[in-house]
Amino acid sequence: MVRLRSALHASLAAICLASFAGASLPARAETIVDEWAAVKPPAPVELKKVKIDPKTTAFLVLDMVPLTCNPERRPRCLASLPAMQKFLGEARKHNVMVVYSLAGNAKASEILAPVAPLGTEPVVTSVANKFIRTDLDKILKDKGITTLITVGTAAHGAVLYTASEAAFLGYKVIVPVDGASAENTYAEQAVAWTLANAPGVGANTTLTKYDLIEF
């Protein structure tokens, strides 16, 4: 009886293996790299009108120095300067707090002249996320700031990571897409989509343009 039962088990196992070997297995899932050329961009993000309270809003100008904003590396950054300069003037006129950032060994004196800081405006130095190893959060909270308008370069560096961190920290974040520059339009598009849709970020972030911001 034991031998018969063992033989039966062996036969059933052989049948199962043969069936499995002949079965049609699902195709291996493709990676995004395999599908790269077939990916279609989503619909454009919505740009919204925004009315800010100057008393609780800060304007963050990120990494606007020759090393990162120049004709060879990032001509789109230079193209964004006139509109940034104009908005900066309006922000100061309405007593909006202005904060600058640098990266690496850059100095405040290197910030491009059209958007250069006044002597009283704070400057922090960090990696792409300007909250890392700086007192930026304290600087803002000490002034009662709850909303950040974030511009600069690169869109896929300082703007993306600083704006995202601000959203996670509970700030309301406003990003004018005409103030977030990169080497190419793909990077700027990817950043706009991410800021509008990323979990924990999109809910606290509004994409806009300079001329859609009211004081």
C-alpha atoms as a PDB file:
ATOM      1  CA  MET A   1       0.000   0.000   0.000  1.00  0.00           C
ATOM      2  CA  VAL A   2       2.813   2.389   0.868  1.00  0.00           C
ATOM      3  CA  ARG A   3       4.522   1.636  -2.442  1.00  0.00           C
ATOM      4  CA  LEU A   4       1.265   2.194  -4.335  1.00  0.00           C
ATOM      5  CA  ARG A   5       0.642   5.527  -2.605  1.00  0.00           C
ATOM      6  CA  SER A   6       4.214   6.685  -3.348  1.00  0.00           C
ATOM      7  CA  ALA A   7       3.878   5.721  -6.975  1.00  0.00           C
ATOM      8  CA  LEU A   8       0.575   7.606  -7.213  1.00  0.00           C
ATOM      9  CA  HIS A   9       2.103  10.736  -5.700  1.00  0.00           C
ATOM     10  CA  ALA A  10       5.015  10.520  -8.108  1.00  0.00           C
ATOM     11  CA  SER A  11       2.650  10.205 -11.071  1.00  0.00           C
ATOM     12  CA  LEU A  12       0.567  13.194  -9.956  1.00  0.00           C
ATOM     13  CA  ALA A  13       3.721  15.284  -9.486  1.00  0.00           C
ATOM     14  CA  ALA A  14       4.917  14.381 -12.968  1.00  0.00           C
ATOM     15  CA  ILE A  15       1.536  15.355 -14.471  1.00  0.00           C
ATOM     16  CA  CYS A  16       1.570  18.707 -12.657  1.00  0.00           C
ATOM     17  CA  LEU A  17       5.090  19.482 -13.812  1.00  0.00           C
ATOM     18  CA  ALA A  18       4.245  18.590 -17.378  1.00  0.00           C
ATOM     19  CA  SER A  19       1.128  20.802 -17.281  1.00  0.00           C
ATOM     20  CA  PHE A  20       3.080  23.702 -15.790  1.00  0.00           C
ATOM     21  CA  ALA A  21       5.808  23.376 -18.397  1.00  0.00           C
ATOM     22  CA  GLY A  22       3.249  23.510 -21.192  1.00  0.00           C
ATOM     23  CA  ALA A  23       1.252  26.381 -19.733  1.00  0.00           C
ATOM     24  CA  SER A  24       1.344  29.809 -21.309  1.00  0.00           C
ATOM     25  CA  LEU A  25       3.028  32.131 -18.786  1.00  0.00           C
ATOM     26  CA  PRO A  26       2.288  35.871 -18.754  1.00  0.00           C
ATOM     27  CA  ALA A  27       4.819  37.983 -20.607  1.00  0.00           C
ATOM     28  CA  ARG A  28       7.461  39.611 -18.445  1.00  0.00           C
ATOM     29  CA  ALA A  29       6.477  43.165 -17.504  1.00  0.00           C
ATOM     30  CA  GLU A  30       8.286  45.803 -19.520  1.00  0.00           C
ATOM     31  CA  THR A  31      10.217  48.570 -17.807  1.00  0.00           C
ATOM     32  CA  ILE A  32       9.677  52.256 -18.477  1.00  0.00           C
ATOM     33  CA  VAL A  33      12.944  52.225 -20.421  1.00  0.00           C
ATOM     34  CA  ASP A  34      11.545  49.568 -22.750  1.00  0.00           C
ATOM     35  CA  GLU A  35       8.431  51.701 -23.280  1.00  0.00           C
ATOM     36  CA  TRP A  36      10.263  55.039 -23.422  1.00  0.00           C
ATOM     37  CA  ALA A  37       9.471  55.933 -27.028  1.00  0.00           C
ATOM     38  CA  ALA A  38       5.808  55.003 -26.649  1.00  0.00           C
ATOM     39  CA  VAL A  39       5.100  57.140 -23.585  1.00  0.00           C
ATOM     40  CA  LYS A  40       2.687  59.969 -24.265  1.00  0.00           C
ATOM     41  CA  PRO A  41       2.836  63.094 -22.086  1.00  0.00           C
ATOM     42  CA  PRO A  42      -0.195  63.769 -19.895  1.00  0.00           C
ATOM     43  CA  ALA A  43      -2.438  66.770 -20.376  1.00  0.00           C
ATOM     44  CA  PRO A  44      -0.821  70.084 -19.389  1.00  0.00           C
ATOM     45  CA  VAL A  45      -1.057  71.012 -15.729  1.00  0.00           C
ATOM     46  CA  GLU A  46      -3.508  73.755 -14.835  1.00  0.00           C
ATOM     47  CA  LEU A  47      -2.057  77.171 -14.067  1.00  0.00           C
ATOM     48  CA  LYS A  48      -4.139  79.010 -11.492  1.00  0.00           C
ATOM     49  CA  LYS A  49      -4.624  82.559 -10.315  1.00  0.00           C
ATOM     50  CA  VAL A  50      -3.304  83.103  -6.807  1.00  0.00           C
ATOM     51  CA  LYS A  51      -3.899  85.895  -4.310  1.00  0.00           C
ATOM     52  CA  ILE A  52      -1.267  86.073  -1.597  1.00  0.00           C
ATOM     53  CA  ASP A  53      -1.009  87.722   1.780  1.00  0.00           C
ATOM     54  CA  PRO A  54       2.309  89.622   1.712  1.00  0.00           C
ATOM     55  CA  LYS A  55       2.617  89.374   5.498  1.00  0.00           C
ATOM     56  CA  THR A  56       2.730  85.568   5.466  1.00  0.00           C
ATOM     57  CA  THR A  57       4.432  84.963   2.110  1.00  0.00           C
ATOM     58  CA  ALA A  58       8.115  84.629   1.217  1.00  0.00           C
ATOM     59  CA  PHE A  59       9.681  84.751  -2.238  1.00  0.00           C
ATOM     60  CA  LEU A  60      12.489  82.176  -2.562  1.00  0.00           C
ATOM     61  CA  VAL A  61      15.058  82.907  -5.275  1.00  0.00           C
ATOM     62  CA  LEU A  62      17.204  79.809  -5.716  1.00  0.00           C
ATOM     63  CA  ASP A  63      20.759  79.483  -7.079  1.00  0.00           C
ATOM     64  CA  MET A  64      20.694  82.360  -9.564  1.00  0.00           C
ATOM     65  CA  VAL A  65      24.458  82.610 -10.093  1.00  0.00           C
ATOM     66  CA  PRO A  66      26.607  82.500 -13.269  1.00  0.00           C
ATOM     67  CA  LEU A  67      27.696  78.912 -12.645  1.00  0.00           C
ATOM     68  CA  THR A  68      24.134  77.630 -12.982  1.00  0.00           C
ATOM     69  CA  CYS A  69      22.543  80.402 -15.038  1.00  0.00           C
ATOM     70  CA  ASN A  70      24.529  81.057 -18.215  1.00  0.00           C
ATOM     71  CA  PRO A  71      24.136  80.880 -22.025  1.00  0.00           C
ATOM     72  CA  GLU A  72      26.100  77.642 -22.402  1.00  0.00           C
ATOM     73  CA  ARG A  73      24.642  75.534 -19.613  1.00  0.00           C
ATOM     74  CA  ARG A  74      21.162  76.947 -19.078  1.00  0.00           C
ATOM     75  CA  PRO A  75      20.048  79.635 -21.547  1.00  0.00           C
ATOM     76  CA  ARG A  76      16.448  79.200 -20.394  1.00  0.00           C
ATOM     77  CA  CYS A  77      17.525  80.557 -17.020  1.00  0.00           C
ATOM     78  CA  LEU A  78      18.805  83.782 -18.574  1.00  0.00           C
ATOM     79  CA  ALA A  79      15.558  84.085 -20.512  1.00  0.00           C
ATOM     80  CA  SER A  80      13.637  83.918 -17.232  1.00  0.00           C
ATOM     81  CA  LEU A  81      15.517  86.848 -15.649  1.00  0.00           C
ATOM     82  CA  PRO A  82      13.435  89.824 -16.846  1.00  0.00           C
ATOM     83  CA  ALA A  83      10.151  88.424 -15.544  1.00  0.00           C
ATOM     84  CA  MET A  84      11.806  87.381 -12.287  1.00  0.00           C
ATOM     85  CA  GLN A  85      13.303  90.831 -11.849  1.00  0.00           C
ATOM     86  CA  LYS A  86       9.929  92.481 -12.434  1.00  0.00           C
ATOM     87  CA  PHE A  87       8.170  90.231  -9.947  1.00  0.00           C
ATOM     88  CA  LEU A  88      10.941  90.725  -7.392  1.00  0.00           C
ATOM     89  CA  GLY A  89      10.357  94.462  -7.587  1.00  0.00           C
ATOM     90  CA  GLU A  90       6.634  93.991  -6.987  1.00  0.00           C
ATOM     91  CA  ALA A  91       7.293  91.611  -4.104  1.00  0.00           C
ATOM     92  CA  ARG A  92       9.556  94.119  -2.381  1.00  0.00           C
ATOM     93  CA  LYS A  93       7.064  96.907  -3.055  1.00  0.00           C
ATOM     94  CA  HIS A  94       4.444  94.901  -1.164  1.00  0.00           C
ATOM     95  CA  ASN A  95       6.869  94.014   1.651  1.00  0.00           C
ATOM     96  CA  VAL A  96       7.027  90.316   0.798  1.00  0.00           C
ATOM     97  CA  MET A  97       9.946  88.601   2.518  1.00  0.00           C
ATOM     98  CA  VAL A  98      12.685  87.622   0.031  1.00  0.00           C
ATOM     99  CA  VAL A  99      15.096  84.750   0.715  1.00  0.00           C
ATOM    100  CA  TYR A 100      17.979  83.588  -1.482  1.00  0.00           C
ATOM    101  CA  SER A 101      19.883  80.346  -1.790  1.00  0.00           C
ATOM    102  CA  LEU A 102      23.271  79.249  -3.040  1.00  0.00           C
ATOM    103  CA  ALA A 103      24.931  75.907  -3.689  1.00  0.00           C
ATOM    104  CA  GLY A 104      28.504  74.707  -3.416  1.00  0.00           C
ATOM    105  CA  ASN A 105      31.089  77.460  -2.971  1.00  0.00           C
ATOM    106  CA  ALA A 106      29.014  80.223  -4.533  1.00  0.00           C
ATOM    107  CA  LYS A 107      28.851  83.562  -2.739  1.00  0.00           C
ATOM    108  CA  ALA A 108      25.988  86.007  -2.312  1.00  0.00           C
ATOM    109  CA  SER A 109      27.976  88.592  -4.239  1.00  0.00           C
ATOM    110  CA  GLU A 110      27.777  86.314  -7.306  1.00  0.00           C
ATOM    111  CA  ILE A 111      23.979  86.326  -7.519  1.00  0.00           C
ATOM    112  CA  LEU A 112      23.037  87.837 -10.869  1.00  0.00           C
ATOM    113  CA  ALA A 113      22.650  91.606 -10.672  1.00  0.00           C
ATOM    114  CA  PRO A 114      19.035  91.875 -11.940  1.00  0.00           C
ATOM    115  CA  VAL A 115      17.823  89.755  -9.006  1.00  0.00           C
ATOM    116  CA  ALA A 116      20.596  90.379  -6.464  1.00  0.00           C
ATOM    117  CA  PRO A 117      19.703  90.493  -2.763  1.00  0.00           C
ATOM    118  CA  LEU A 118      19.553  93.574  -0.618  1.00  0.00           C
ATOM    119  CA  GLY A 119      21.839  93.572   2.394  1.00  0.00           C
ATOM    120  CA  THR A 120      18.981  92.695   4.754  1.00  0.00           C
ATOM    121  CA  GLU A 121      17.665  89.692   2.823  1.00  0.00           C
ATOM    122  CA  PRO A 122      18.781  86.283   4.125  1.00  0.00           C
ATOM    123  CA  VAL A 123      20.864  83.859   2.055  1.00  0.00           C
ATOM    124  CA  VAL A 124      21.232  80.141   2.783  1.00  0.00           C
ATOM    125  CA  THR A 125      23.666  77.668   1.245  1.00  0.00           C
ATOM    126  CA  SER A 126      22.848  74.001   0.789  1.00  0.00           C
ATOM    127  CA  VAL A 127      22.351  71.145  -1.646  1.00  0.00           C
ATOM    128  CA  ALA A 128      19.307  71.057  -3.947  1.00  0.00           C
ATOM    129  CA  ASN A 129      16.938  70.894  -0.960  1.00  0.00           C
ATOM    130  CA  LYS A 130      17.544  74.251   0.722  1.00  0.00           C
ATOM    131  CA  PHE A 131      16.048  73.071   4.008  1.00  0.00           C
ATOM    132  CA  ILE A 132      18.896  70.569   4.454  1.00  0.00           C
ATOM    133  CA  ARG A 133      21.573  71.700   6.925  1.00  0.00           C
ATOM    134  CA  THR A 134      20.293  75.308   6.963  1.00  0.00           C
ATOM    135  CA  ASP A 135      18.082  77.364   9.247  1.00  0.00           C
ATOM    136  CA  LEU A 136      15.674  78.176   6.400  1.00  0.00           C
ATOM    137  CA  ASP A 137      12.663  76.709   8.196  1.00  0.00           C
ATOM    138  CA  LYS A 138      13.442  78.768  11.319  1.00  0.00           C
ATOM    139  CA  ILE A 139      14.020  81.941   9.292  1.00  0.00           C
ATOM    140  CA  LEU A 140      10.596  81.553   7.725  1.00  0.00           C
ATOM    141  CA  LYS A 141       8.697  80.548  10.834  1.00  0.00           C
ATOM    142  CA  ASP A 142      10.233  83.346  12.885  1.00  0.00           C
ATOM    143  CA  LYS A 143       8.584  85.765  10.438  1.00  0.00           C
ATOM    144  CA  GLY A 144       5.244  83.952  10.482  1.00  0.00           C
ATOM    145  CA  ILE A 145       5.623  82.729   6.892  1.00  0.00           C
ATOM    146  CA  THR A 146       3.131  80.093   5.759  1.00  0.00           C
ATOM    147  CA  THR A 147       3.321  80.449   1.959  1.00  0.00           C
ATOM    148  CA  LEU A 148       6.363  80.180  -0.311  1.00  0.00           C
ATOM    149  CA  ILE A 149       6.735  81.366  -3.890  1.00  0.00           C
ATOM    150  CA  THR A 150       9.622  79.292  -5.201  1.00  0.00           C
ATOM    151  CA  VAL A 151      11.632  80.134  -8.327  1.00  0.00           C
ATOM    152  CA  GLY A 152      15.150  79.609  -9.643  1.00  0.00           C
ATOM    153  CA  THR A 153      17.339  77.030 -11.270  1.00  0.00           C
ATOM    154  CA  ALA A 154      17.495  74.209 -11.808  1.00  0.00           C
ATOM    155  CA  ALA A 155      13.820  73.348 -12.014  1.00  0.00           C
ATOM    156  CA  HIS A 156      14.700  69.676 -11.498  1.00  0.00           C
ATOM    157  CA  GLY A 157      17.097  70.555  -8.680  1.00  0.00           C
ATOM    158  CA  ALA A 158      16.627  73.412  -6.238  1.00  0.00           C
ATOM    159  CA  VAL A 159      13.046  74.245  -7.246  1.00  0.00           C
ATOM    160  CA  LEU A 160      11.748  70.674  -7.221  1.00  0.00           C
ATOM    161  CA  TYR A 161      13.365  69.559  -3.975  1.00  0.00           C
ATOM    162  CA  THR A 162      12.908  72.784  -2.014  1.00  0.00           C
ATOM    163  CA  ALA A 163       9.273  73.143  -3.060  1.00  0.00           C
ATOM    164  CA  SER A 164       8.566  69.482  -2.276  1.00  0.00           C
ATOM    165  CA  GLU A 165      10.191  69.704   1.146  1.00  0.00           C
ATOM    166  CA  ALA A 166       8.239  72.876   1.895  1.00  0.00           C
ATOM    167  CA  ALA A 167       5.000  71.086   1.013  1.00  0.00           C
ATOM    168  CA  PHE A 168       5.907  68.184   3.305  1.00  0.00           C
ATOM    169  CA  LEU A 169       6.643  70.687   6.088  1.00  0.00           C
ATOM    170  CA  GLY A 170       3.152  72.121   5.737  1.00  0.00           C
ATOM    171  CA  TYR A 171       3.828  75.323   3.798  1.00  0.00           C
ATOM    172  CA  LYS A 172       1.545  76.347   0.965  1.00  0.00           C
ATOM    173  CA  VAL A 173       3.785  76.370  -2.101  1.00  0.00           C
ATOM    174  CA  ILE A 174       3.377  78.492  -5.227  1.00  0.00           C
ATOM    175  CA  VAL A 175       5.573  77.776  -8.245  1.00  0.00           C
ATOM    176  CA  PRO A 176       5.479  80.123 -11.251  1.00  0.00           C
ATOM    177  CA  VAL A 177       6.439  77.881 -14.145  1.00  0.00           C
ATOM    178  CA  ASP A 178       8.007  80.859 -15.954  1.00  0.00           C
ATOM    179  CA  GLY A 179      10.457  81.144 -13.053  1.00  0.00           C
ATOM    180  CA  ALA A 180      11.606  77.512 -12.886  1.00  0.00           C
ATOM    181  CA  SER A 181      14.275  76.950 -15.535  1.00  0.00           C
ATOM    182  CA  ALA A 182      16.331  73.950 -16.618  1.00  0.00           C
ATOM    183  CA  GLU A 183      18.593  72.881 -19.478  1.00  0.00           C
ATOM    184  CA  ASN A 184      15.638  71.759 -21.556  1.00  0.00           C
ATOM    185  CA  THR A 185      11.865  71.763 -21.738  1.00  0.00           C
ATOM    186  CA  TYR A 186      11.545  68.076 -20.824  1.00  0.00           C
ATOM    187  CA  ALA A 187      13.006  68.685 -17.366  1.00  0.00           C
ATOM    188  CA  GLU A 188      10.727  71.656 -16.796  1.00  0.00           C
ATOM    189  CA  GLN A 189       7.698  69.645 -17.926  1.00  0.00           C
ATOM    190  CA  ALA A 190       8.576  66.720 -15.663  1.00  0.00           C
ATOM    191  CA  VAL A 191       8.964  69.048 -12.677  1.00  0.00           C
ATOM    192  CA  ALA A 192       5.645  70.781 -13.326  1.00  0.00           C
ATOM    193  CA  TRP A 193       3.844  67.435 -13.533  1.00  0.00           C
ATOM    194  CA  THR A 194       5.558  66.097 -10.415  1.00  0.00           C
ATOM    195  CA  LEU A 195       4.821  69.167  -8.295  1.00  0.00           C
ATOM    196  CA  ALA A 196       1.176  69.041  -9.356  1.00  0.00           C
ATOM    197  CA  ASN A 197       0.703  65.311  -8.810  1.00  0.00           C
ATOM    198  CA  ALA A 198       3.211  63.843  -6.356  1.00  0.00           C
ATOM    199  CA  PRO A 199       1.671  62.401  -3.169  1.00  0.00           C
ATOM    200  CA  GLY A 200       2.071  64.801  -0.262  1.00  0.00           C
ATOM    201  CA  VAL A 201       3.222  67.577  -2.594  1.00  0.00           C
ATOM    202  CA  GLY A 202       0.483  68.235  -5.121  1.00  0.00           C
ATOM    203  CA  ALA A 203      -2.143  68.962  -2.476  1.00  0.00           C
ATOM    204  CA  ASN A 204      -0.046  71.820  -1.075  1.00  0.00           C
ATOM    205  CA  THR A 205       1.319  73.177  -4.357  1.00  0.00           C
ATOM    206  CA  THR A 206      -0.177  75.620  -6.851  1.00  0.00           C
ATOM    207  CA  LEU A 207       1.355  76.050 -10.299  1.00  0.00           C
ATOM    208  CA  THR A 208       0.954  79.467 -11.830  1.00  0.00           C
ATOM    209  CA  LYS A 209       2.719  82.271 -13.740  1.00  0.00           C
ATOM    210  CA  TYR A 210       4.067  85.553 -12.415  1.00  0.00           C
ATOM    211  CA  ASP A 211       1.250  87.566 -13.962  1.00  0.00           C
ATOM    212  CA  LEU A 212      -1.380  85.341 -12.324  1.00  0.00           C
ATOM    213  CA  ILE A 213      -0.174  86.221  -8.809  1.00  0.00           C
ATOM    214  CA  GLU A 214      -2.055  89.023  -7.062  1.00  0.00           C
ATOM    215  CA  PHE A 215      -0.853  90.836  -3.946  1.00  0.00           C
END
